[in-house]
């Protein structure tokens, strides 16, 4: 078993590197999906949908290698925590990529509808913040930076506030049926961005667990404004 440990830690490092690559892809997809939405850029939206295959392949590869590593090794203490965190982060990143695809699909459906610039501005702000959240948490994961992980709930607060305000703003479009239809779709986008932010916070929770050995949810801190 002792001879297997160097290989085991090499495999853990490999899995972590793949997660960092996944984070880069998922974060880029999320940011690009908002760009495509605001610009009504259907070709870019189609590229984002196609790019999901890259993240899905990475997700499956990490999951398969995780299973193989667990079968061949007997992780203990910090190694076992890291294995648990890798599995959770892998799932959260795959979800973020799927959320980007949701926005890209809405871009295709909403292209011919009229737009409200105020709502578009809010969605742009939400997208910028969530994109920064994903970058921050993945950099924190790579650097084992607990302080940066703990900053995620504060970053998430404006995303939650903007999401809550979206219903009222969309209701104000009721006099124009086509604009209202667009607005309802944008409510879905807003909720999708809010969920992407939540996934970034969840990754931060996993990193805090890895570094401290104690798991605690950041949800209350991020949702009570």
Protein backbone atom coordinates (compact mmCIF):
# COMPACT_ATOMS: atom_id res chain seq x y z
CA UNK A 1 0.00 0.00 0.00
CA UNK A 2 2.87 2.37 0.80
CA UNK A 3 4.15 2.09 -2.78
CA UNK A 4 0.76 3.15 -4.07
CA UNK A 5 0.65 6.44 -2.16
CA UNK A 6 2.80 8.53 -4.56
CA UNK A 7 0.63 7.35 -7.45
CA UNK A 8 -2.46 8.13 -5.39
CA UNK A 9 -1.37 11.71 -4.76
CA UNK A 10 -0.40 12.13 -8.41
CA UNK A 11 -3.91 11.03 -9.34
CA UNK A 12 -5.45 13.49 -6.88
CA UNK A 13 -3.37 16.29 -8.40
CA UNK A 14 -4.53 15.21 -11.87
CA UNK A 15 -8.16 15.25 -10.79
CA UNK A 16 -7.72 18.72 -9.32
CA UNK A 17 -6.15 20.01 -12.52
CA UNK A 18 -9.10 18.69 -14.50
CA UNK A 19 -11.48 20.49 -12.12
CA UNK A 20 -9.62 23.75 -12.69
CA UNK A 21 -9.96 23.26 -16.46
CA UNK A 22 -13.66 22.46 -16.01
CA UNK A 23 -14.07 25.63 -13.97
CA UNK A 24 -12.48 27.69 -16.72
CA UNK A 25 -14.76 26.16 -19.35
CA UNK A 26 -17.92 26.45 -17.25
CA UNK A 27 -17.17 30.03 -16.24
CA UNK A 28 -16.45 31.03 -19.83
CA UNK A 29 -19.66 29.38 -21.00
CA UNK A 30 -21.67 31.26 -18.38
CA UNK A 31 -20.16 34.64 -19.28
CA UNK A 32 -20.48 33.98 -23.01
CA UNK A 33 -24.11 32.94 -22.60
CA UNK A 34 -24.96 36.32 -21.09
CA UNK A 35 -23.03 38.09 -23.86
CA UNK A 36 -25.02 36.13 -26.46
CA UNK A 37 -28.30 36.88 -24.71
CA UNK A 38 -27.72 40.63 -24.54
CA UNK A 39 -26.57 40.78 -28.16
CA UNK A 40 -29.23 38.30 -29.40
CA UNK A 41 -26.32 36.42 -30.94
CA UNK A 42 -27.79 33.08 -31.97
CA UNK A 43 -24.60 31.71 -33.59
CA UNK A 44 -22.72 32.32 -30.33
CA UNK A 45 -25.56 30.69 -28.40
CA UNK A 46 -25.21 27.60 -30.60
CA UNK A 47 -21.46 27.53 -29.92
CA UNK A 48 -22.14 27.57 -26.17
CA UNK A 49 -24.55 24.66 -26.47
CA UNK A 50 -21.94 22.70 -28.44
CA UNK A 51 -19.22 23.61 -25.90
CA UNK A 52 -21.16 21.77 -23.20
CA UNK A 53 -19.82 18.53 -24.64
CA UNK A 54 -16.34 19.50 -23.43
CA UNK A 55 -17.54 19.94 -19.85
CA UNK A 56 -19.66 16.79 -19.99
CA UNK A 57 -16.65 14.78 -21.18
CA UNK A 58 -14.49 16.19 -18.39
CA UNK A 59 -17.23 15.51 -15.85
CA UNK A 60 -17.50 11.87 -16.90
CA UNK A 61 -13.72 11.43 -17.02
CA UNK A 62 -13.25 12.88 -13.53
CA UNK A 63 -16.11 10.78 -12.18
CA UNK A 64 -14.75 7.57 -13.71
CA UNK A 65 -11.20 8.18 -12.50
CA UNK A 66 -12.59 9.07 -9.06
CA UNK A 67 -14.32 5.69 -8.89
CA UNK A 68 -11.18 3.89 -10.03
CA UNK A 69 -9.07 5.71 -7.45
CA UNK A 70 -11.49 4.89 -4.66
CA UNK A 71 -11.47 1.23 -5.72
CA UNK A 72 -7.68 0.97 -5.75
CA UNK A 73 -6.80 3.11 -2.74
CA UNK A 74 -7.96 3.57 0.84
CA UNK A 75 -8.09 7.34 1.40
CA UNK A 76 -7.76 8.51 4.98
CA UNK A 77 -8.12 11.86 6.82
CA UNK A 78 -7.42 14.85 4.54
CA UNK A 79 -7.19 12.60 1.46
CA UNK A 80 -10.69 11.30 2.09
CA UNK A 81 -12.00 14.84 2.49
CA UNK A 82 -10.34 15.84 -0.75
CA UNK A 83 -11.90 12.90 -2.58
CA UNK A 84 -15.31 13.93 -1.27
CA UNK A 85 -14.77 17.55 -2.30
CA UNK A 86 -13.58 16.59 -5.79
CA UNK A 87 -16.79 14.64 -6.37
CA UNK A 88 -18.99 17.54 -5.23
CA UNK A 89 -17.09 20.24 -7.13
CA UNK A 90 -17.21 18.12 -10.27
CA UNK A 91 -21.01 18.03 -10.04
CA UNK A 92 -21.36 21.76 -9.33
CA UNK A 93 -19.23 22.71 -12.33
CA UNK A 94 -21.22 20.45 -14.62
CA UNK A 95 -24.41 22.13 -13.38
CA UNK A 96 -22.99 25.59 -14.05
CA UNK A 97 -22.25 24.57 -17.63
CA UNK A 98 -25.80 23.21 -17.98
CA UNK A 99 -27.16 26.54 -16.70
CA UNK A 100 -25.15 28.35 -19.37
CA UNK A 101 -26.77 26.09 -21.96
CA UNK A 102 -30.20 27.02 -20.56
CA UNK A 103 -29.45 30.71 -21.14
CA UNK A 104 -28.14 29.98 -24.64
CA UNK A 105 -31.34 28.14 -25.53
CA UNK A 106 -33.43 31.05 -24.27
CA UNK A 107 -31.35 33.38 -26.46
CA UNK A 108 -32.46 31.41 -29.51
CA UNK A 109 -36.13 31.54 -28.49
CA UNK A 110 -36.15 35.23 -27.54
CA UNK A 111 -34.26 36.63 -30.52
CA UNK A 112 -37.30 38.01 -32.37
CA UNK A 113 -38.99 39.48 -29.30
CA UNK A 114 -38.67 43.13 -28.22
CA UNK A 115 -36.26 43.82 -25.34
CA UNK A 116 -36.34 46.06 -22.29
CA UNK A 117 -32.94 47.74 -21.78
CA UNK A 118 -33.31 48.08 -18.01
CA UNK A 119 -33.83 44.35 -17.55
CA UNK A 120 -30.97 43.61 -19.95
CA UNK A 121 -28.70 45.83 -17.86
CA UNK A 122 -29.67 43.95 -14.69
CA UNK A 123 -28.98 40.61 -16.33
CA UNK A 124 -25.62 41.87 -17.52
CA UNK A 125 -24.75 42.91 -13.97
CA UNK A 126 -25.84 39.54 -12.62
CA UNK A 127 -23.79 37.72 -15.23
CA UNK A 128 -20.70 39.77 -14.50
CA UNK A 129 -20.95 39.08 -10.78
CA UNK A 130 -21.58 35.37 -11.17
CA UNK A 131 -18.71 35.07 -13.64
CA UNK A 132 -16.42 36.71 -11.09
CA UNK A 133 -17.75 34.39 -8.38
CA UNK A 134 -16.83 31.34 -10.42
CA UNK A 135 -13.35 32.69 -11.15
CA UNK A 136 -12.82 33.59 -7.50
CA UNK A 137 -13.90 30.27 -6.06
CA UNK A 138 -11.86 28.23 -8.53
CA UNK A 139 -8.78 30.35 -7.85
CA UNK A 140 -9.43 29.86 -4.13
CA UNK A 141 -9.75 26.12 -4.68
CA UNK A 142 -6.47 25.97 -6.57
CA UNK A 143 -4.66 28.11 -3.96
CA UNK A 144 -6.41 26.59 -0.91
CA UNK A 145 -7.44 30.12 0.06
CA UNK A 146 -10.06 29.99 2.82
CA UNK A 147 -10.49 33.77 3.04
CA UNK A 148 -11.47 34.01 -0.62
CA UNK A 149 -13.89 31.11 -0.21
CA UNK A 150 -15.53 32.88 2.72
CA UNK A 151 -16.03 35.98 0.52
CA UNK A 152 -18.44 34.17 -1.82
CA UNK A 153 -21.66 34.79 0.18
CA UNK A 154 -21.04 38.55 0.16
CA UNK A 155 -20.43 38.45 -3.58
CA UNK A 156 -23.69 36.55 -4.01
CA UNK A 157 -25.90 39.11 -2.25
CA UNK A 158 -26.37 41.54 -5.17
CA UNK A 159 -27.21 38.60 -7.44
CA UNK A 160 -29.99 37.55 -5.07
CA UNK A 161 -31.30 41.12 -4.77
CA UNK A 162 -31.44 41.59 -8.52
CA UNK A 163 -33.19 38.25 -8.94
CA UNK A 164 -35.86 39.19 -6.39
CA UNK A 165 -36.52 42.50 -8.17
CA UNK A 166 -36.98 40.83 -11.53
CA UNK A 167 -40.59 39.77 -10.95
CA UNK A 168 -41.69 43.35 -10.33
CA UNK A 169 -39.82 44.62 -13.37
CA UNK A 170 -41.31 41.97 -15.64
CA UNK A 171 -44.80 42.68 -14.27
CA UNK A 172 -44.34 46.25 -15.46
CA UNK A 173 -44.24 44.97 -19.06
CA UNK A 174 -47.79 43.62 -18.92
CA UNK A 175 -49.22 46.21 -21.31
CA UNK A 176 -47.16 44.81 -24.21
CA UNK A 177 -47.80 41.07 -24.79
CA UNK A 178 -44.62 40.47 -26.81
CA UNK A 179 -42.46 42.42 -24.39
CA UNK A 180 -44.07 40.52 -21.52
CA UNK A 181 -43.28 37.22 -23.23
CA UNK A 182 -39.64 38.31 -23.49
CA UNK A 183 -39.72 39.42 -19.86
CA UNK A 184 -41.02 36.06 -18.66
CA UNK A 185 -38.13 34.39 -20.45
CA UNK A 186 -35.74 36.83 -18.79
CA UNK A 187 -37.16 35.84 -15.41
CA UNK A 188 -35.96 32.32 -16.20
CA UNK A 189 -32.54 33.72 -17.12
CA UNK A 190 -32.42 35.65 -13.85
CA UNK A 191 -33.28 32.56 -11.85
CA UNK A 192 -30.71 30.58 -13.84
CA UNK A 193 -27.97 33.09 -13.01
CA UNK A 194 -29.02 33.03 -9.37
CA UNK A 195 -28.66 29.25 -9.36
CA UNK A 196 -25.22 29.49 -10.96
CA UNK A 197 -24.20 31.83 -8.15
CA UNK A 198 -25.53 29.35 -5.62
CA UNK A 199 -23.40 26.63 -7.17
CA UNK A 200 -20.32 28.83 -6.83
CA UNK A 201 -21.19 29.35 -3.14
CA UNK A 202 -21.61 25.59 -2.76
CA UNK A 203 -18.09 25.07 -4.13
CA UNK A 204 -16.83 27.58 -1.57
CA UNK A 205 -18.56 25.56 1.15
CA UNK A 206 -16.77 22.46 -0.05
CA UNK A 207 -13.41 24.24 0.00
CA UNK A 208 -14.04 25.45 3.55
CA UNK A 209 -14.83 21.87 4.54
CA UNK A 210 -11.62 20.66 2.93
CA UNK A 211 -9.51 23.24 4.75
CA UNK A 212 -11.18 23.15 8.17
CA UNK A 213 -12.66 19.67 8.45
CA UNK A 214 -16.00 21.23 9.39
CA UNK A 215 -18.91 21.58 7.00
CA UNK A 216 -21.23 24.55 7.35
CA UNK A 217 -23.66 26.03 4.87
CA UNK A 218 -23.19 29.61 3.76
CA UNK A 219 -26.85 29.83 2.62
CA UNK A 220 -28.13 31.95 5.49
CA UNK A 221 -25.35 34.47 5.02
CA UNK A 222 -25.97 34.74 1.29
CA UNK A 223 -29.78 34.89 1.30
CA UNK A 224 -30.63 37.13 4.24
CA UNK A 225 -30.02 40.69 3.07
